[in-house]
Amino acid sequence: MKRDKLIIIAGGVLLIFLIAAGYYFFLAKKPSPQASTPVPGQAEEVIPTIAPDELGLTFVARSDGKAVKFEIAHANDIASVDYEVSYLTAGEIPRGVLGSITKKKEEETIAIDYQVLGSCSSGKCKYDTGVTSVKLVLKITKSDGKVYQAEKTLAL
């Protein structure tokens, strides 16, 4: 009888050991993160910058500070502009506006009218509060196909 109890206890311990080992090897062992290998021929694109003054860039707020606009005065050799207006609201919530402008050949300047710092629907606007600065990032494509970037920040 003692021998049977000893065999049952030894079998139980062995079973617990096998379950624990199985858990460790199959469930608890996390796969190691694999290092990403760069894809040949794929490089991170670096866009050269252009000074806002070189573009004749003006970036201003409306008198009530609830909207911004910009204008590029020296746009003769510019084909198009992608723009991003971004800012933080009260509570550090990121907000912004994206857009694109294709310049007509006869135009000497590129301008975007006031972009509301908030949202508008059916002619009614809800303005964001706590905005202290607004950042403008321009991606400029010249007539020769070369691409440049310009940035300007406006304190409100």
Protein backbone atom coordinates (compact mmCIF):
# COMPACT_ATOMS: atom_id res chain seq x y z
CA MET A 1 0.00 0.00 0.00
CA LYS A 2 2.85 2.39 0.84
CA ARG A 3 4.44 1.57 -2.48
CA ASP A 4 1.20 2.41 -4.38
CA LYS A 5 0.92 5.78 -2.58
CA LEU A 6 4.55 6.55 -3.40
CA ILE A 7 3.98 5.73 -7.09
CA ILE A 8 0.84 7.92 -7.19
CA ILE A 9 2.68 10.84 -5.53
CA ALA A 10 5.69 10.46 -7.84
CA GLY A 11 3.37 10.32 -10.86
CA GLY A 12 1.53 13.44 -9.68
CA VAL A 13 4.80 15.35 -9.20
CA LEU A 14 5.99 14.23 -12.64
CA LEU A 15 2.68 15.30 -14.20
CA ILE A 16 2.90 18.75 -12.54
CA PHE A 17 6.51 19.08 -13.77
CA LEU A 18 5.50 18.19 -17.36
CA ILE A 19 2.59 20.67 -17.32
CA ALA A 20 4.84 23.45 -15.97
CA ALA A 21 7.56 22.67 -18.54
CA GLY A 22 5.01 22.62 -21.34
CA TYR A 23 3.59 25.96 -20.22
CA TYR A 24 7.06 27.49 -20.12
CA PHE A 25 8.15 26.26 -23.55
CA PHE A 26 4.89 26.74 -25.46
CA LEU A 27 2.95 29.53 -23.79
CA ALA A 28 5.24 31.67 -21.66
CA LYS A 29 8.18 31.90 -24.01
CA LYS A 30 7.71 35.06 -26.02
CA PRO A 31 9.21 35.21 -29.47
CA SER A 32 12.24 37.45 -29.58
CA PRO A 33 11.77 40.57 -31.67
CA GLN A 34 13.46 40.28 -35.00
CA ALA A 35 15.65 43.10 -36.18
CA SER A 36 14.23 44.75 -39.23
CA THR A 37 16.47 44.50 -42.21
CA PRO A 38 16.48 47.37 -44.63
CA VAL A 39 15.07 46.61 -48.04
CA PRO A 40 17.71 47.17 -50.72
CA GLY A 41 17.03 50.30 -52.71
CA GLN A 42 14.64 51.70 -50.11
CA ALA A 43 16.07 54.80 -48.44
CA GLU A 44 14.49 57.35 -46.20
CA GLU A 45 13.70 60.43 -48.25
CA VAL A 46 15.34 63.61 -47.03
CA ILE A 47 13.65 66.75 -48.33
CA PRO A 48 15.92 69.80 -48.58
CA THR A 49 14.63 72.90 -46.79
CA ILE A 50 14.02 76.32 -48.23
CA ALA A 51 13.90 79.48 -46.13
CA PRO A 52 10.45 81.09 -45.67
CA ASP A 53 11.98 84.48 -46.60
CA GLU A 54 13.21 83.05 -49.91
CA LEU A 55 9.58 82.20 -50.72
CA GLY A 56 8.25 85.54 -49.55
CA LEU A 57 6.10 83.54 -47.11
CA THR A 58 3.68 85.39 -44.86
CA PHE A 59 1.76 83.45 -42.23
CA VAL A 60 -0.76 85.48 -40.22
CA ALA A 61 -3.67 85.04 -37.85
CA ARG A 62 -7.07 86.66 -38.22
CA SER A 63 -7.59 89.57 -35.80
CA ASP A 64 -9.61 87.34 -33.41
CA GLY A 65 -6.91 84.61 -33.48
CA LYS A 66 -9.42 81.93 -34.53
CA ALA A 67 -8.10 81.37 -38.06
CA VAL A 68 -4.82 81.59 -39.99
CA LYS A 69 -3.81 82.13 -43.61
CA PHE A 70 -0.61 82.13 -45.64
CA GLU A 71 0.72 83.55 -48.89
CA ILE A 72 3.80 82.80 -50.98
CA ALA A 73 4.82 85.95 -52.85
CA HIS A 74 7.73 84.45 -54.85
CA ALA A 75 5.89 81.60 -56.57
CA ASN A 76 7.02 82.01 -60.19
CA ASP A 77 8.90 78.69 -60.31
CA ILE A 78 6.51 76.73 -58.07
CA ALA A 79 4.18 74.12 -59.59
CA SER A 80 2.33 73.00 -56.45
CA VAL A 81 2.28 73.22 -52.66
CA ASP A 82 1.10 70.67 -50.10
CA TYR A 83 0.50 72.26 -46.72
CA GLU A 84 -0.14 71.22 -43.14
CA VAL A 85 -1.39 73.61 -40.48
CA SER A 86 -1.04 72.02 -37.03
CA TYR A 87 -1.57 73.15 -33.44
CA LEU A 88 -2.42 71.96 -29.94
CA THR A 89 -5.71 72.84 -28.23
CA ALA A 90 -6.42 73.17 -24.52
CA GLY A 91 -5.72 69.75 -23.05
CA GLU A 92 -2.82 69.22 -25.50
CA ILE A 93 -5.09 67.73 -28.18
CA PRO A 94 -3.36 67.82 -31.61
CA ARG A 95 -5.43 69.33 -34.42
CA GLY A 96 -4.71 70.47 -37.94
CA VAL A 97 -5.62 70.95 -41.57
CA LEU A 98 -4.05 69.39 -44.67
CA GLY A 99 -4.37 70.73 -48.17
CA SER A 100 -2.85 71.03 -51.61
CA ILE A 101 -2.66 73.83 -54.15
CA THR A 102 -1.72 73.53 -57.81
CA LYS A 103 -0.60 76.90 -59.16
CA LYS A 104 -1.96 78.17 -62.44
CA LYS A 105 0.72 79.42 -64.83
CA GLU A 106 -0.54 83.01 -64.80
CA GLU A 107 -0.50 83.28 -61.01
CA GLU A 108 2.44 85.09 -59.43
CA THR A 109 1.50 84.25 -55.84
CA ILE A 110 0.03 81.28 -54.00
CA ALA A 111 -2.35 81.95 -51.15
CA ILE A 112 -4.67 80.00 -48.93
CA ASP A 113 -7.54 81.86 -47.32
CA TYR A 114 -8.26 81.66 -43.63
CA GLN A 115 -8.20 78.16 -42.17
CA VAL A 116 -10.41 78.00 -39.07
CA LEU A 117 -8.77 76.70 -35.88
CA GLY A 118 -11.71 74.46 -35.09
CA SER A 119 -14.51 72.95 -37.16
CA CYS A 120 -17.38 74.38 -39.16
CA SER A 121 -20.64 72.84 -40.32
CA SER A 122 -23.63 74.48 -42.01
CA GLY A 123 -22.07 77.91 -41.64
CA LYS A 124 -21.55 77.58 -37.87
CA CYS A 125 -18.07 77.23 -36.42
CA LYS A 126 -16.87 75.79 -33.13
CA TYR A 127 -13.46 77.26 -32.42
CA ASP A 128 -10.74 75.38 -30.56
CA THR A 129 -9.63 76.98 -27.29
CA GLY A 130 -6.22 77.25 -25.69
CA VAL A 131 -4.32 77.54 -28.98
CA THR A 132 -1.06 79.40 -28.32
CA SER A 133 0.91 78.66 -31.49
CA VAL A 134 0.29 77.28 -34.96
CA LYS A 135 2.85 75.55 -37.19
CA LEU A 136 2.81 75.66 -40.98
CA VAL A 137 4.74 73.02 -42.96
CA LEU A 138 4.94 73.41 -46.74
CA LYS A 139 6.07 70.77 -49.24
CA ILE A 140 6.90 72.75 -52.35
CA THR A 141 7.25 71.18 -55.80
CA LYS A 142 9.11 73.45 -58.19
CA SER A 143 8.44 73.61 -61.93
CA ASP A 144 11.57 71.50 -62.55
CA GLY A 145 10.18 68.70 -60.32
CA LYS A 146 12.50 69.32 -57.36
CA VAL A 147 10.81 69.18 -53.93
CA TYR A 148 11.59 71.41 -50.94
CA GLN A 149 10.17 71.92 -47.47
CA ALA A 150 9.60 75.12 -45.52
CA GLU A 151 8.28 75.67 -41.99
CA LYS A 152 7.03 78.65 -40.07
CA THR A 153 5.50 78.95 -36.60
CA LEU A 154 3.06 81.64 -35.54
CA ALA A 155 2.51 82.61 -31.90
CA LEU A 156 -1.03 83.65 -31.03
